[in-house]
Amino acid sequence: MARPDWMVGKKIVDSYHTVTINIRQRDIDGATPRDGRDCVAGRCVLRTLDAEVVYFYRSKAYVQWDDEQVMVRYHLSRDLQKKVIEVLDDPHRPNSEIQPGLYELQPVPPRQRLGLDRTPKNPGTRAKRVDRGHRVMGRVTAAYRG
């Protein structure tokens, strides 16, 4: 999968700590749906935490905290995904459904971290086929010995 233009030339690292953000009504008013930089959570992080650049996706957020070319990757909490991101991106739901409050940017779960070796331990082995004891032949179900 090709990386977006903003990611080219930047180092991406996973977060190992939680950051709590306080979304307020002024972050909700005028937020742009399907824009990772001008969404509700993006506006909140830029305003309150003094980040340089932010990009929010469905389940991950990328935050650049300083002038260096390092982006920190966070996992979005379930509440932030369901109550903020999905409501904003759904054209059939009004932004008034988004509730201001405290939400979390969580550390990336261990099995989703960057640089993890995801190759199978036993490549090429499959589970054995289970004999179910019958075979369908047209409309007739016939028992057989396998």
Protein backbone atom coordinates (compact mmCIF):
# COMPACT_ATOMS: atom_id res chain seq x y z
CA MET A 1 0.00 0.00 0.00
CA ALA A 2 1.39 3.37 -0.97
CA ARG A 3 1.92 5.92 1.75
CA PRO A 4 0.16 9.30 1.63
CA ASP A 5 2.20 12.31 0.53
CA TRP A 6 2.38 13.76 4.04
CA MET A 7 4.04 10.58 5.31
CA VAL A 8 6.91 10.56 2.81
CA GLY A 9 10.24 11.47 4.41
CA LYS A 10 8.93 11.30 7.99
CA LYS A 11 9.78 8.74 10.61
CA ILE A 12 6.71 7.03 12.14
CA VAL A 13 6.96 5.71 15.71
CA ASP A 14 4.35 4.05 17.91
CA SER A 15 3.18 5.66 21.13
CA TYR A 16 3.58 3.82 24.42
CA HIS A 17 1.50 6.19 26.56
CA THR A 18 -2.04 7.57 26.66
CA VAL A 19 -2.94 11.18 25.88
CA THR A 20 -6.29 12.58 27.02
CA ILE A 21 -7.92 15.28 24.92
CA ASN A 22 -10.81 17.54 25.93
CA ILE A 23 -13.11 18.11 22.96
CA ARG A 24 -15.15 21.30 23.32
CA GLN A 25 -18.06 22.72 21.37
CA ARG A 26 -15.79 25.13 19.46
CA ASP A 27 -13.91 22.10 18.07
CA ILE A 28 -17.18 20.61 16.84
CA ASP A 29 -18.51 23.79 15.25
CA GLY A 30 -17.15 24.14 11.71
CA ALA A 31 -15.24 20.84 11.66
CA THR A 32 -14.77 19.31 8.21
CA PRO A 33 -15.87 15.69 7.69
CA ARG A 34 -13.41 13.26 6.11
CA ASP A 35 -10.50 15.64 6.63
CA GLY A 36 -7.87 14.19 8.96
CA ARG A 37 -6.46 17.63 9.77
CA ASP A 38 -9.61 19.71 10.21
CA CYS A 39 -11.83 17.15 11.96
CA VAL A 40 -13.11 17.58 15.51
CA ALA A 41 -10.30 15.63 17.17
CA GLY A 42 -7.65 17.18 14.92
CA ARG A 43 -8.74 20.69 15.81
CA CYS A 44 -8.75 19.79 19.50
CA VAL A 45 -5.20 18.37 19.44
CA LEU A 46 -3.86 21.37 17.53
CA ARG A 47 -5.57 23.80 19.92
CA THR A 48 -4.95 22.23 23.31
CA LEU A 49 -1.79 20.17 22.98
CA ASP A 50 0.12 22.57 20.71
CA ALA A 51 0.96 19.94 18.11
CA GLU A 52 2.56 20.96 14.80
CA VAL A 53 0.61 18.61 12.50
CA VAL A 54 -2.11 15.99 13.05
CA TYR A 55 -3.78 13.39 10.82
CA PHE A 56 -6.76 11.40 12.08
CA TYR A 57 -8.06 8.24 10.46
CA ARG A 58 -10.77 5.76 11.47
CA SER A 59 -8.71 3.98 14.14
CA LYS A 60 -5.29 5.68 14.17
CA ALA A 61 -3.98 9.19 14.67
CA TYR A 62 -0.60 10.58 13.66
CA VAL A 63 0.72 13.54 15.64
CA GLN A 64 3.87 15.57 15.04
CA TRP A 65 4.70 17.24 18.35
CA ASP A 66 7.60 19.42 17.29
CA ASP A 67 9.51 20.70 14.25
CA GLU A 68 11.36 17.40 13.79
CA GLN A 69 10.15 14.99 11.11
CA VAL A 70 8.86 12.37 13.59
CA MET A 71 5.18 11.38 13.65
CA VAL A 72 3.84 9.56 16.72
CA ARG A 73 1.12 7.01 15.96
CA TYR A 74 -1.79 6.55 18.41
CA HIS A 75 -4.73 4.16 18.56
CA LEU A 76 -8.10 5.90 18.97
CA SER A 77 -10.26 4.88 21.92
CA ARG A 78 -13.57 3.18 21.18
CA ASP A 79 -15.53 6.22 22.45
CA LEU A 80 -13.58 8.58 20.20
CA GLN A 81 -14.19 6.34 17.19
CA LYS A 82 -17.92 5.77 17.79
CA LYS A 83 -19.03 9.07 19.34
CA VAL A 84 -16.90 11.53 17.37
CA ILE A 85 -15.18 10.23 14.21
CA GLU A 86 -18.06 8.08 12.88
CA VAL A 87 -20.69 10.74 13.63
CA LEU A 88 -18.68 13.46 11.87
CA ASP A 89 -17.99 11.32 8.79
CA ASP A 90 -21.58 10.09 8.42
CA PRO A 91 -23.46 12.47 6.07
CA HIS A 92 -26.82 11.37 7.48
CA ARG A 93 -26.03 12.32 11.09
CA PRO A 94 -25.80 15.93 12.30
CA ASN A 95 -22.71 17.19 14.12
CA SER A 96 -24.97 18.07 17.05
CA GLU A 97 -24.82 14.35 18.03
CA ILE A 98 -21.13 14.76 18.94
CA GLN A 99 -20.79 15.25 22.67
CA PRO A 100 -17.96 17.39 24.08
CA GLY A 101 -15.87 15.67 26.73
CA LEU A 102 -12.69 13.78 27.51
CA TYR A 103 -11.44 11.22 24.99
CA GLU A 104 -8.22 9.23 24.78
CA LEU A 105 -5.47 8.69 22.26
CA GLN A 106 -4.18 5.31 23.39
CA PRO A 107 -0.91 3.46 22.80
CA VAL A 108 -0.92 1.16 19.79
CA PRO A 109 -1.80 -2.44 20.80
CA PRO A 110 1.24 -4.77 20.76
CA ARG A 111 -0.01 -6.87 17.83
CA GLN A 112 -0.48 -3.75 15.66
CA ARG A 113 2.87 -2.09 16.28
CA LEU A 114 5.15 -1.11 13.44
CA GLY A 115 8.06 -3.43 12.65
CA LEU A 116 6.31 -6.50 14.02
CA ASP A 117 7.14 -9.72 12.16
CA ARG A 118 3.79 -10.98 10.91
CA THR A 119 5.00 -13.97 8.91
CA PRO A 120 3.32 -17.23 9.94
CA LYS A 121 5.34 -19.55 12.17
CA ASN A 122 4.52 -22.64 10.05
CA PRO A 123 3.96 -21.44 6.49
CA GLY A 124 2.23 -23.87 4.17
CA THR A 125 0.45 -25.93 6.82
CA ARG A 126 -3.32 -26.01 6.86
CA ALA A 127 -5.83 -27.52 9.21
CA LYS A 128 -7.00 -31.01 8.32
CA ARG A 129 -10.35 -31.34 6.63
CA VAL A 130 -13.08 -32.57 8.93
CA ASP A 131 -15.28 -35.41 7.69
CA ARG A 132 -18.86 -34.44 8.37
CA GLY A 133 -20.19 -37.95 7.66
CA HIS A 134 -22.53 -37.18 4.76
CA ARG A 135 -22.56 -35.77 1.29
CA VAL A 136 -25.35 -33.93 -0.52
CA MET A 137 -26.18 -35.49 -3.89
CA GLY A 138 -28.84 -33.43 -5.58
CA ARG A 139 -31.85 -33.52 -3.29
CA VAL A 140 -30.79 -36.71 -1.56
CA THR A 141 -28.49 -36.72 1.46
CA ALA A 142 -26.54 -39.95 1.55
CA ALA A 143 -24.36 -41.25 4.35
CA TYR A 144 -20.98 -42.62 3.32
CA ARG A 145 -17.81 -43.99 4.81
CA GLY A 146 -14.78 -41.81 4.20
